[in-house]
Amino acid sequence: MKPLPKRAALVVNAKSRKGRDLYQRAQALLIQNGIELIATEGVRDPAQLRPTIQRLLESDPPMIIVGGGDGTLSSTVDDFVPHETVFALLPLGTANSFARTLGIPLDLEGAVEVIATGERRRIDLGMIDKDYFANCAAIGMSPLIAETVPHNLKRWLGRVGYFGWAAWQFTRFRPFKLTVGNETVDAVEVRIANGRYHGGTELVEDAEVDSGEIIVQAVLGDARHRLLWSWAASILKLKGRERNVREFHGVELRISTDPPLPISIDGEVLAHTPVTAHVAPGIIEVAAPRSTPPD
């Protein structure tokens, strides 16, 4: 086991759902658990998040702890790629899919304990063209929701508000044609997965962050109710939940849709089809729970 550094910078997205409330608490817990904070930044303007991390990375700190939701985390992983700095996370968002994939507790105390007692883990990142992402990109309902959901709805109502908004947007949604490589299918949703979780639910069970491959999972069908069945079956772990999905595995996969559609990358709309999805194997180190219990 390669231990984690004991010196770190802390950067929290103070506009994430929990960030503003938990920024001070996170500092106190990290210090109590033996982490020396060499810099702390509570970023209120999301546009300043990446510049803040880029500035900190110029001095190559041993570890940077980033607090926020999946969109925050995914928008910052690109900057860690050319550095040896360990990427640690505090899950302060709504779905926290990347934290779930890594096995990091969703409560602040548990996440801090991982940073204090866990280990380094080298992981893959997914890529949409030249844009790195941590966990999952999606085509279909997810971009439609991400483009329209009011920020304060997520902040005050959390997952309940998020799923309520999703139900309303469902009435606007239409199935589409998906082409992966040379194969075309009718689809109601596409998940481009580096990790197993999307929207806080385990959907792509074969995806691993250190597998060296990307998975494109298509929910098949030409009617909206197929998407409802897929999500319900995955949430409830029903038998036969894989019957209406098709998976494509590879290091690099070309993806197009008819009509062209937006792509949400860890919750933020950042691309449009057609794109090439591929994997960047073992490209960053993250703070992860111990693979073996302490002596």
C-alpha atoms as a PDB file:
ATOM      1  CA  MET A   1       0.000   0.000   0.000  1.00  0.00           C
ATOM      2  CA  LYS A   2       1.293   3.452  -0.923  1.00  0.00           C
ATOM      3  CA  PRO A   3       0.189   5.899   1.810  1.00  0.00           C
ATOM      4  CA  LEU A   4      -1.453   9.217   1.116  1.00  0.00           C
ATOM      5  CA  PRO A   5       0.320  12.528   1.748  1.00  0.00           C
ATOM      6  CA  LYS A   6      -0.312  14.334   5.021  1.00  0.00           C
ATOM      7  CA  ARG A   7       0.026  17.789   3.449  1.00  0.00           C
ATOM      8  CA  ALA A   8      -2.661  19.076   1.104  1.00  0.00           C
ATOM      9  CA  ALA A   9      -4.477  22.073  -0.339  1.00  0.00           C
ATOM     10  CA  LEU A  10      -8.259  22.248   0.028  1.00  0.00           C
ATOM     11  CA  VAL A  11     -10.516  23.710  -2.688  1.00  0.00           C
ATOM     12  CA  VAL A  12     -14.289  23.665  -2.200  1.00  0.00           C
ATOM     13  CA  ASN A  13     -16.973  24.707  -4.662  1.00  0.00           C
ATOM     14  CA  ALA A  14     -18.971  26.888  -2.286  1.00  0.00           C
ATOM     15  CA  LYS A  15     -21.883  26.996  -4.753  1.00  0.00           C
ATOM     16  CA  SER A  16     -22.359  23.212  -4.752  1.00  0.00           C
ATOM     17  CA  ARG A  17     -25.356  21.930  -2.803  1.00  0.00           C
ATOM     18  CA  LYS A  18     -23.425  21.344   0.433  1.00  0.00           C
ATOM     19  CA  GLY A  19     -20.228  23.241  -0.240  1.00  0.00           C
ATOM     20  CA  ARG A  20     -21.150  26.550   1.353  1.00  0.00           C
ATOM     21  CA  ASP A  21     -22.405  24.895   4.545  1.00  0.00           C
ATOM     22  CA  LEU A  22     -19.576  22.388   4.968  1.00  0.00           C
ATOM     23  CA  TYR A  23     -16.461  24.313   3.918  1.00  0.00           C
ATOM     24  CA  GLN A  24     -15.515  25.370   7.479  1.00  0.00           C
ATOM     25  CA  ARG A  25     -16.421  21.966   8.893  1.00  0.00           C
ATOM     26  CA  ALA A  26     -14.206  20.224   6.326  1.00  0.00           C
ATOM     27  CA  GLN A  27     -11.198  22.333   7.314  1.00  0.00           C
ATOM     28  CA  ALA A  28     -11.653  21.498  10.979  1.00  0.00           C
ATOM     29  CA  LEU A  29     -12.106  17.767  10.371  1.00  0.00           C
ATOM     30  CA  LEU A  30      -9.063  17.509   8.097  1.00  0.00           C
ATOM     31  CA  ILE A  31      -6.848  19.232  10.691  1.00  0.00           C
ATOM     32  CA  GLN A  32      -8.258  17.038  13.469  1.00  0.00           C
ATOM     33  CA  ASN A  33      -7.369  13.974  11.382  1.00  0.00           C
ATOM     34  CA  GLY A  34      -3.754  14.995  10.946  1.00  0.00           C
ATOM     35  CA  ILE A  35      -3.853  16.687   7.522  1.00  0.00           C
ATOM     36  CA  GLU A  36      -1.732  19.838   7.268  1.00  0.00           C
ATOM     37  CA  LEU A  37      -3.596  22.311   5.066  1.00  0.00           C
ATOM     38  CA  ILE A  38      -1.047  24.323   3.102  1.00  0.00           C
ATOM     39  CA  ALA A  39      -3.800  26.335   1.365  1.00  0.00           C
ATOM     40  CA  THR A  40      -7.594  26.629   1.600  1.00  0.00           C
ATOM     41  CA  GLU A  41      -9.910  28.107  -1.009  1.00  0.00           C
ATOM     42  CA  GLY A  42     -13.696  28.447  -0.820  1.00  0.00           C
ATOM     43  CA  VAL A  43     -14.641  29.314  -4.409  1.00  0.00           C
ATOM     44  CA  ARG A  44     -17.993  31.098  -4.775  1.00  0.00           C
ATOM     45  CA  ASP A  45     -17.705  31.723  -8.532  1.00  0.00           C
ATOM     46  CA  PRO A  46     -17.655  28.384 -10.428  1.00  0.00           C
ATOM     47  CA  ALA A  47     -15.749  30.032 -13.287  1.00  0.00           C
ATOM     48  CA  GLN A  48     -12.811  30.501 -10.884  1.00  0.00           C
ATOM     49  CA  LEU A  49     -12.645  26.870  -9.759  1.00  0.00           C
ATOM     50  CA  ARG A  50     -10.271  25.580 -12.446  1.00  0.00           C
ATOM     51  CA  PRO A  51      -8.035  28.659 -12.391  1.00  0.00           C
ATOM     52  CA  THR A  52      -7.716  28.228  -8.614  1.00  0.00           C
ATOM     53  CA  ILE A  53      -6.676  24.588  -8.937  1.00  0.00           C
ATOM     54  CA  GLN A  54      -4.358  25.358 -11.845  1.00  0.00           C
ATOM     55  CA  ARG A  55      -2.636  28.006  -9.733  1.00  0.00           C
ATOM     56  CA  LEU A  56      -2.173  25.598  -6.837  1.00  0.00           C
ATOM     57  CA  LEU A  57      -0.838  22.874  -9.146  1.00  0.00           C
ATOM     58  CA  GLU A  58       1.962  25.167 -10.321  1.00  0.00           C
ATOM     59  CA  SER A  59       3.809  24.388  -7.078  1.00  0.00           C
ATOM     60  CA  ASP A  60       3.088  20.619  -7.341  1.00  0.00           C
ATOM     61  CA  PRO A  61       1.554  20.121  -3.874  1.00  0.00           C
ATOM     62  CA  PRO A  62       1.488  16.523  -2.591  1.00  0.00           C
ATOM     63  CA  MET A  63      -2.334  16.417  -2.673  1.00  0.00           C
ATOM     64  CA  ILE A  64      -5.271  18.662  -3.535  1.00  0.00           C
ATOM     65  CA  ILE A  65      -8.640  17.943  -1.918  1.00  0.00           C
ATOM     66  CA  VAL A  66     -11.561  19.063  -4.089  1.00  0.00           C
ATOM     67  CA  GLY A  67     -15.009  19.422  -2.556  1.00  0.00           C
ATOM     68  CA  GLY A  68     -18.100  19.558  -4.765  1.00  0.00           C
ATOM     69  CA  GLY A  69     -20.463  17.563  -6.948  1.00  0.00           C
ATOM     70  CA  ASP A  70     -19.707  15.341  -9.926  1.00  0.00           C
ATOM     71  CA  GLY A  71     -19.623  18.285 -12.335  1.00  0.00           C
ATOM     72  CA  THR A  72     -17.061  20.079 -10.167  1.00  0.00           C
ATOM     73  CA  LEU A  73     -14.856  17.014  -9.893  1.00  0.00           C
ATOM     74  CA  SER A  74     -15.006  16.178 -13.591  1.00  0.00           C
ATOM     75  CA  SER A  75     -14.210  19.742 -14.641  1.00  0.00           C
ATOM     76  CA  THR A  76     -10.983  19.689 -12.621  1.00  0.00           C
ATOM     77  CA  VAL A  77      -9.491  16.238 -13.302  1.00  0.00           C
ATOM     78  CA  ASP A  78      -7.980  17.430 -16.612  1.00  0.00           C
ATOM     79  CA  ASP A  79      -5.579  19.670 -14.703  1.00  0.00           C
ATOM     80  CA  PHE A  80      -4.157  16.805 -12.614  1.00  0.00           C
ATOM     81  CA  VAL A  81      -3.123  14.754 -15.659  1.00  0.00           C
ATOM     82  CA  PRO A  82       0.368  16.222 -16.171  1.00  0.00           C
ATOM     83  CA  HIS A  83       1.116  16.289 -12.410  1.00  0.00           C
ATOM     84  CA  GLU A  84       1.981  13.772  -9.685  1.00  0.00           C
ATOM     85  CA  THR A  85      -0.336  15.520  -7.233  1.00  0.00           C
ATOM     86  CA  VAL A  86      -2.882  13.155  -5.653  1.00  0.00           C
ATOM     87  CA  PHE A  87      -6.528  14.005  -6.375  1.00  0.00           C
ATOM     88  CA  ALA A  88      -8.695  13.649  -3.259  1.00  0.00           C
ATOM     89  CA  LEU A  89     -12.395  14.372  -3.097  1.00  0.00           C
ATOM     90  CA  LEU A  90     -15.101  15.411  -0.696  1.00  0.00           C
ATOM     91  CA  PRO A  91     -18.520  14.435  -2.153  1.00  0.00           C
ATOM     92  CA  LEU A  92     -20.655  17.543  -1.625  1.00  0.00           C
ATOM     93  CA  GLY A  93     -23.062  17.214  -4.556  1.00  0.00           C
ATOM     94  CA  THR A  94     -26.422  15.612  -5.271  1.00  0.00           C
ATOM     95  CA  ALA A  95     -25.650  12.252  -6.894  1.00  0.00           C
ATOM     96  CA  ASN A  96     -21.942  11.850  -5.954  1.00  0.00           C
ATOM     97  CA  SER A  97     -21.522   9.112  -8.544  1.00  0.00           C
ATOM     98  CA  PHE A  98     -17.713   9.277  -8.678  1.00  0.00           C
ATOM     99  CA  ALA A  99     -17.414   8.912  -4.900  1.00  0.00           C
ATOM    100  CA  ARG A 100     -19.768   5.914  -5.023  1.00  0.00           C
ATOM    101  CA  THR A 101     -17.641   4.323  -7.756  1.00  0.00           C
ATOM    102  CA  LEU A 102     -14.485   4.710  -5.647  1.00  0.00           C
ATOM    103  CA  GLY A 103     -16.220   3.443  -2.490  1.00  0.00           C
ATOM    104  CA  ILE A 104     -15.811   6.756  -0.655  1.00  0.00           C
ATOM    105  CA  PRO A 105     -18.398   7.415   2.089  1.00  0.00           C
ATOM    106  CA  LEU A 106     -20.866  10.161   1.239  1.00  0.00           C
ATOM    107  CA  ASP A 107     -20.808  11.778   4.681  1.00  0.00           C
ATOM    108  CA  LEU A 108     -18.127  14.384   5.359  1.00  0.00           C
ATOM    109  CA  GLU A 109     -16.623  12.542   8.315  1.00  0.00           C
ATOM    110  CA  GLY A 110     -16.270   9.295   6.357  1.00  0.00           C
ATOM    111  CA  ALA A 111     -14.752  11.028   3.329  1.00  0.00           C
ATOM    112  CA  VAL A 112     -12.208  12.827   5.534  1.00  0.00           C
ATOM    113  CA  GLU A 113     -11.315   9.526   7.188  1.00  0.00           C
ATOM    114  CA  VAL A 114     -10.472   8.081   3.746  1.00  0.00           C
ATOM    115  CA  ILE A 115      -8.176  11.041   3.072  1.00  0.00           C
ATOM    116  CA  ALA A 116      -6.495  10.577   6.452  1.00  0.00           C
ATOM    117  CA  THR A 117      -6.158   6.775   6.481  1.00  0.00           C
ATOM    118  CA  GLY A 118      -6.660   5.567   2.896  1.00  0.00           C
ATOM    119  CA  GLU A 119      -4.232   4.810   0.083  1.00  0.00           C
ATOM    120  CA  ARG A 120      -3.219   6.022  -3.353  1.00  0.00           C
ATOM    121  CA  ARG A 121      -5.003   4.372  -6.252  1.00  0.00           C
ATOM    122  CA  ARG A 122      -4.038   4.869  -9.889  1.00  0.00           C
ATOM    123  CA  ILE A 123      -7.143   5.045 -12.071  1.00  0.00           C
ATOM    124  CA  ASP A 124      -8.272   5.550 -15.668  1.00  0.00           C
ATOM    125  CA  LEU A 125     -10.136   8.576 -16.929  1.00  0.00           C
ATOM    126  CA  GLY A 126     -12.665   8.519 -19.726  1.00  0.00           C
ATOM    127  CA  MET A 127     -12.356  10.946 -22.615  1.00  0.00           C
ATOM    128  CA  ILE A 128     -14.889  12.532 -24.974  1.00  0.00           C
ATOM    129  CA  ASP A 129     -12.664  13.666 -27.818  1.00  0.00           C
ATOM    130  CA  LYS A 130      -9.963  15.579 -25.865  1.00  0.00           C
ATOM    131  CA  ASP A 131     -12.012  16.243 -22.712  1.00  0.00           C
ATOM    132  CA  TYR A 132     -11.246  14.008 -19.713  1.00  0.00           C
ATOM    133  CA  PHE A 133     -14.029  12.890 -17.411  1.00  0.00           C
ATOM    134  CA  ALA A 134     -14.043  11.025 -14.136  1.00  0.00           C
ATOM    135  CA  ASN A 135     -17.070   8.789 -14.146  1.00  0.00           C
ATOM    136  CA  CYS A 136     -19.815   8.846 -16.789  1.00  0.00           C
ATOM    137  CA  ALA A 137     -21.063  10.780 -19.800  1.00  0.00           C
ATOM    138  CA  ALA A 138     -24.595  10.414 -21.127  1.00  0.00           C
ATOM    139  CA  ILE A 139     -26.815  11.059 -24.116  1.00  0.00           C
ATOM    140  CA  GLY A 140     -30.590  11.342 -23.762  1.00  0.00           C
ATOM    141  CA  MET A 141     -32.473  12.515 -20.683  1.00  0.00           C
ATOM    142  CA  SER A 142     -29.430  13.465 -18.593  1.00  0.00           C
ATOM    143  CA  PRO A 143     -28.276  16.324 -20.861  1.00  0.00           C
ATOM    144  CA  LEU A 144     -31.864  17.557 -21.154  1.00  0.00           C
ATOM    145  CA  ILE A 145     -32.082  17.737 -17.360  1.00  0.00           C
ATOM    146  CA  ALA A 146     -28.607  19.218 -16.928  1.00  0.00           C
ATOM    147  CA  GLU A 147     -29.340  22.009 -19.423  1.00  0.00           C
ATOM    148  CA  THR A 148     -32.549  23.094 -17.685  1.00  0.00           C
ATOM    149  CA  VAL A 149     -32.512  22.216 -13.952  1.00  0.00           C
ATOM    150  CA  PRO A 150     -32.465  25.347 -11.717  1.00  0.00           C
ATOM    151  CA  HIS A 151     -29.393  25.367  -9.485  1.00  0.00           C
ATOM    152  CA  ASN A 152     -31.370  26.274  -6.347  1.00  0.00           C
ATOM    153  CA  LEU A 153     -33.674  23.304  -6.908  1.00  0.00           C
ATOM    154  CA  LYS A 154     -30.732  20.925  -6.435  1.00  0.00           C
ATOM    155  CA  ARG A 155     -29.395  22.957  -3.511  1.00  0.00           C
ATOM    156  CA  TRP A 156     -32.596  22.995  -1.466  1.00  0.00           C
ATOM    157  CA  LEU A 157     -34.360  19.766  -2.491  1.00  0.00           C
ATOM    158  CA  GLY A 158     -31.427  17.493  -3.392  1.00  0.00           C
ATOM    159  CA  ARG A 159     -32.183  14.236  -5.186  1.00  0.00           C
ATOM    160  CA  VAL A 160     -35.943  14.560  -4.582  1.00  0.00           C
ATOM    161  CA  GLY A 161     -36.004  17.855  -6.450  1.00  0.00           C
ATOM    162  CA  TYR A 162     -33.687  16.520  -9.137  1.00  0.00           C
ATOM    163  CA  PHE A 163     -35.882  13.500  -9.881  1.00  0.00           C
ATOM    164  CA  GLY A 164     -39.023  15.654  -9.799  1.00  0.00           C
ATOM    165  CA  TRP A 165     -37.517  17.880 -12.462  1.00  0.00           C
ATOM    166  CA  ALA A 166     -36.484  14.791 -14.433  1.00  0.00           C
ATOM    167  CA  ALA A 167     -40.087  13.569 -14.438  1.00  0.00           C
ATOM    168  CA  TRP A 168     -41.275  16.876 -15.877  1.00  0.00           C
ATOM    169  CA  GLN A 169     -38.569  16.862 -18.583  1.00  0.00           C
ATOM    170  CA  PHE A 170     -39.496  13.305 -19.504  1.00  0.00           C
ATOM    171  CA  THR A 171     -42.537  14.650 -21.349  1.00  0.00           C
ATOM    172  CA  ARG A 172     -40.205  16.482 -23.794  1.00  0.00           C
ATOM    173  CA  PHE A 173     -37.925  13.544 -24.469  1.00  0.00           C
ATOM    174  CA  ARG A 174     -37.757  11.576 -27.739  1.00  0.00           C
ATOM    175  CA  PRO A 175     -35.894   8.329 -28.623  1.00  0.00           C
ATOM    176  CA  PHE A 176     -33.119   8.514 -31.232  1.00  0.00           C
ATOM    177  CA  LYS A 177     -30.826   6.489 -33.503  1.00  0.00           C
ATOM    178  CA  LEU A 178     -27.417   5.593 -32.076  1.00  0.00           C
ATOM    179  CA  THR A 179     -24.436   4.469 -34.137  1.00  0.00           C
ATOM    180  CA  VAL A 180     -21.382   2.987 -32.436  1.00  0.00           C
ATOM    181  CA  GLY A 181     -18.730   2.091 -34.987  1.00  0.00           C
ATOM    182  CA  ASN A 182     -20.658   0.491 -37.835  1.00  0.00           C
ATOM    183  CA  GLU A 183     -23.691  -0.654 -35.819  1.00  0.00           C
ATOM    184  CA  THR A 184     -26.916   1.364 -35.495  1.00  0.00           C
ATOM    185  CA  VAL A 185     -29.653   0.757 -32.896  1.00  0.00           C
ATOM    186  CA  ASP A 186     -32.754   2.523 -31.582  1.00  0.00           C
ATOM    187  CA  ALA A 187     -31.951   4.010 -28.176  1.00  0.00           C
ATOM    188  CA  VAL A 188     -33.568   5.972 -25.365  1.00  0.00           C
ATOM    189  CA  GLU A 189     -30.366   6.605 -23.408  1.00  0.00           C
ATOM    190  CA  VAL A 190     -26.619   6.118 -23.785  1.00  0.00           C
ATOM    191  CA  ARG A 191     -24.116   5.871 -20.916  1.00  0.00           C
ATOM    192  CA  ILE A 192     -20.433   6.301 -21.721  1.00  0.00           C
ATOM    193  CA  ALA A 193     -18.909   4.804 -18.618  1.00  0.00           C
ATOM    194  CA  ASN A 194     -15.570   4.870 -16.865  1.00  0.00           C
ATOM    195  CA  GLY A 195     -17.354   4.025 -13.595  1.00  0.00           C
ATOM    196  CA  ARG A 196     -20.419   2.061 -12.556  1.00  0.00           C
ATOM    197  CA  TYR A 197     -22.610   4.891 -11.226  1.00  0.00           C
ATOM    198  CA  HIS A 198     -24.657   7.511 -13.036  1.00  0.00           C
ATOM    199  CA  GLY A 199     -27.145   9.821 -11.319  1.00  0.00           C
ATOM    200  CA  GLY A 200     -26.263   8.132  -8.036  1.00  0.00           C
ATOM    201  CA  THR A 201     -27.490   4.730  -9.300  1.00  0.00           C
ATOM    202  CA  GLU A 202     -25.388   1.718 -10.281  1.00  0.00           C
ATOM    203  CA  LEU A 203     -26.175   1.343 -13.986  1.00  0.00           C
ATOM    204  CA  VAL A 204     -23.078  -0.012 -15.753  1.00  0.00           C
ATOM    205  CA  GLU A 205     -22.079  -2.868 -13.502  1.00  0.00           C
ATOM    206  CA  ASP A 206     -19.097  -4.020 -15.599  1.00  0.00           C
ATOM    207  CA  ALA A 207     -17.397  -0.617 -15.615  1.00  0.00           C
ATOM    208  CA  GLU A 208     -14.272  -0.201 -13.487  1.00  0.00           C
ATOM    209  CA  VAL A 209     -12.009   2.822 -13.121  1.00  0.00           C
ATOM    210  CA  ASP A 210      -8.880   0.721 -13.621  1.00  0.00           C
ATOM    211  CA  SER A 211     -10.023  -1.666 -16.385  1.00  0.00           C
ATOM    212  CA  GLY A 212      -8.241   0.070 -19.275  1.00  0.00           C
ATOM    213  CA  GLU A 213     -11.431   0.219 -21.354  1.00  0.00           C
ATOM    214  CA  ILE A 214     -14.461   2.420 -21.927  1.00  0.00           C
ATOM    215  CA  ILE A 215     -18.018   1.035 -22.034  1.00  0.00           C
ATOM    216  CA  VAL A 216     -20.823   2.494 -24.138  1.00  0.00           C
ATOM    217  CA  GLN A 217     -24.123   1.168 -22.788  1.00  0.00           C
ATOM    218  CA  ALA A 218     -27.246   1.795 -24.885  1.00  0.00           C
ATOM    219  CA  VAL A 219     -30.732   1.438 -23.439  1.00  0.00           C
ATOM    220  CA  LEU A 220     -32.549  -0.030 -26.436  1.00  0.00           C
ATOM    221  CA  GLY A 221     -36.000   0.905 -27.684  1.00  0.00           C
ATOM    222  CA  ASP A 222     -38.085   3.374 -29.652  1.00  0.00           C
ATOM    223  CA  ALA A 223     -40.519   4.284 -26.852  1.00  0.00           C
ATOM    224  CA  ARG A 224     -39.951   6.398 -23.724  1.00  0.00           C
ATOM    225  CA  HIS A 225     -41.262   3.777 -21.311  1.00  0.00           C
ATOM    226  CA  ARG A 226     -38.173   1.651 -22.021  1.00  0.00           C
ATOM    227  CA  LEU A 227     -36.083   4.249 -20.207  1.00  0.00           C
ATOM    228  CA  LEU A 228     -38.374   4.165 -17.174  1.00  0.00           C
ATOM    229  CA  TRP A 229     -38.110   0.375 -17.068  1.00  0.00           C
ATOM    230  CA  SER A 230     -34.314   0.501 -17.315  1.00  0.00           C
ATOM    231  CA  TRP A 231     -33.912   2.944 -14.437  1.00  0.00           C
ATOM    232  CA  ALA A 232     -36.477   1.180 -12.231  1.00  0.00           C
ATOM    233  CA  ALA A 233     -34.901  -2.218 -12.903  1.00  0.00           C
ATOM    234  CA  SER A 234     -31.440  -0.895 -12.068  1.00  0.00           C
ATOM    235  CA  ILE A 235     -32.546   0.873  -8.884  1.00  0.00           C
ATOM    236  CA  LEU A 236     -34.453  -2.199  -7.670  1.00  0.00           C
ATOM    237  CA  LYS A 237     -31.826  -4.678  -8.990  1.00  0.00           C
ATOM    238  CA  LEU A 238     -34.516  -6.628 -10.828  1.00  0.00           C
ATOM    239  CA  LYS A 239     -33.663  -9.806 -12.685  1.00  0.00           C
ATOM    240  CA  GLY A 240     -33.509  -9.276 -16.409  1.00  0.00           C
ATOM    241  CA  ARG A 241     -32.458  -5.628 -16.079  1.00  0.00           C
ATOM    242  CA  GLU A 242     -29.758  -6.190 -18.702  1.00  0.00           C
ATOM    243  CA  ARG A 243     -32.158  -7.529 -21.344  1.00  0.00           C
ATOM    244  CA  ASN A 244     -32.917  -4.143 -22.882  1.00  0.00           C
ATOM    245  CA  VAL A 245     -29.355  -2.796 -22.905  1.00  0.00           C
ATOM    246  CA  ARG A 246     -26.523  -3.300 -25.364  1.00  0.00           C
ATOM    247  CA  GLU A 247     -22.915  -2.726 -24.367  1.00  0.00           C
ATOM    248  CA  PHE A 248     -19.929  -1.864 -26.540  1.00  0.00           C
ATOM    249  CA  HIS A 249     -16.482  -2.306 -24.953  1.00  0.00           C
ATOM    250  CA  GLY A 250     -13.214  -0.896 -26.236  1.00  0.00           C
ATOM    251  CA  VAL A 251     -10.299   1.463 -25.882  1.00  0.00           C
ATOM    252  CA  GLU A 252     -11.778   3.841 -28.486  1.00  0.00           C
ATOM    253  CA  LEU A 253     -15.341   4.001 -29.840  1.00  0.00           C
ATOM    254  CA  ARG A 254     -16.845   6.392 -32.404  1.00  0.00           C
ATOM    255  CA  ILE A 255     -20.353   7.561 -31.455  1.00  0.00           C
ATOM    256  CA  SER A 256     -22.955   9.416 -33.487  1.00  0.00           C
ATOM    257  CA  THR A 257     -26.714   9.990 -33.179  1.00  0.00           C
ATOM    258  CA  ASP A 258     -29.617  10.941 -35.411  1.00  0.00           C
ATOM    259  CA  PRO A 259     -30.496  13.670 -34.666  1.00  0.00           C
ATOM    260  CA  PRO A 260     -27.236  15.142 -33.254  1.00  0.00           C
ATOM    261  CA  LEU A 261     -27.581  15.422 -29.481  1.00  0.00           C
ATOM    262  CA  PRO A 262     -25.882  17.080 -26.502  1.00  0.00           C
ATOM    263  CA  ILE A 263     -23.716  15.021 -24.142  1.00  0.00           C
ATOM    264  CA  SER A 264     -23.596  15.578 -20.390  1.00  0.00           C
ATOM    265  CA  ILE A 265     -20.226  14.754 -18.844  1.00  0.00           C
ATOM    266  CA  ASP A 266     -20.570  13.993 -15.130  1.00  0.00           C
ATOM    267  CA  GLY A 267     -23.677  16.157 -15.052  1.00  0.00           C
ATOM    268  CA  GLU A 268     -22.541  19.113 -17.193  1.00  0.00           C
ATOM    269  CA  VAL A 269     -23.377  19.530 -20.890  1.00  0.00           C
ATOM    270  CA  LEU A 270     -19.961  19.879 -22.540  1.00  0.00           C
ATOM    271  CA  ALA A 271     -20.145  18.168 -25.962  1.00  0.00           C
ATOM    272  CA  HIS A 272     -22.424  17.179 -28.852  1.00  0.00           C
ATOM    273  CA  THR A 273     -22.462  14.121 -31.105  1.00  0.00           C
ATOM    274  CA  PRO A 274     -20.656  12.900 -33.112  1.00  0.00           C
ATOM    275  CA  VAL A 275     -17.683  12.233 -30.797  1.00  0.00           C
ATOM    276  CA  THR A 276     -14.987   9.684 -30.102  1.00  0.00           C
ATOM    277  CA  ALA A 277     -15.039   8.120 -26.636  1.00  0.00           C
ATOM    278  CA  HIS A 278     -11.854   6.551 -25.355  1.00  0.00           C
ATOM    279  CA  VAL A 279      -9.949   5.705 -22.185  1.00  0.00           C
ATOM    280  CA  ALA A 280      -6.798   7.208 -20.693  1.00  0.00           C
ATOM    281  CA  PRO A 281      -5.467   4.273 -18.640  1.00  0.00           C
ATOM    282  CA  GLY A 282      -3.933   4.808 -15.195  1.00  0.00           C
ATOM    283  CA  ILE A 283      -3.493   8.510 -15.776  1.00  0.00           C
ATOM    284  CA  ILE A 284      -4.037  10.007 -12.286  1.00  0.00           C
ATOM    285  CA  GLU A 285      -3.717   8.972  -8.647  1.00  0.00           C
ATOM    286  CA  VAL A 286      -6.665   9.410  -6.302  1.00  0.00           C
ATOM    287  CA  ALA A 287      -7.247   9.089  -2.570  1.00  0.00           C
ATOM    288  CA  ALA A 288      -9.181   5.838  -2.077  1.00  0.00           C
ATOM    289  CA  PRO A 289     -10.235   3.597   0.807  1.00  0.00           C
ATOM    290  CA  ARG A 290      -7.730   0.997   1.918  1.00  0.00           C
ATOM    291  CA  SER A 291      -7.828  -2.172  -0.152  1.00  0.00           C
ATOM    292  CA  THR A 292      -6.808  -4.124   2.958  1.00  0.00           C
ATOM    293  CA  PRO A 293      -7.748  -3.318   6.562  1.00  0.00           C
ATOM    294  CA  PRO A 294      -5.055  -1.691   8.755  1.00  0.00           C
ATOM    295  CA  ASP A 295      -2.986  -3.929  11.019  1.00  0.00           C
END
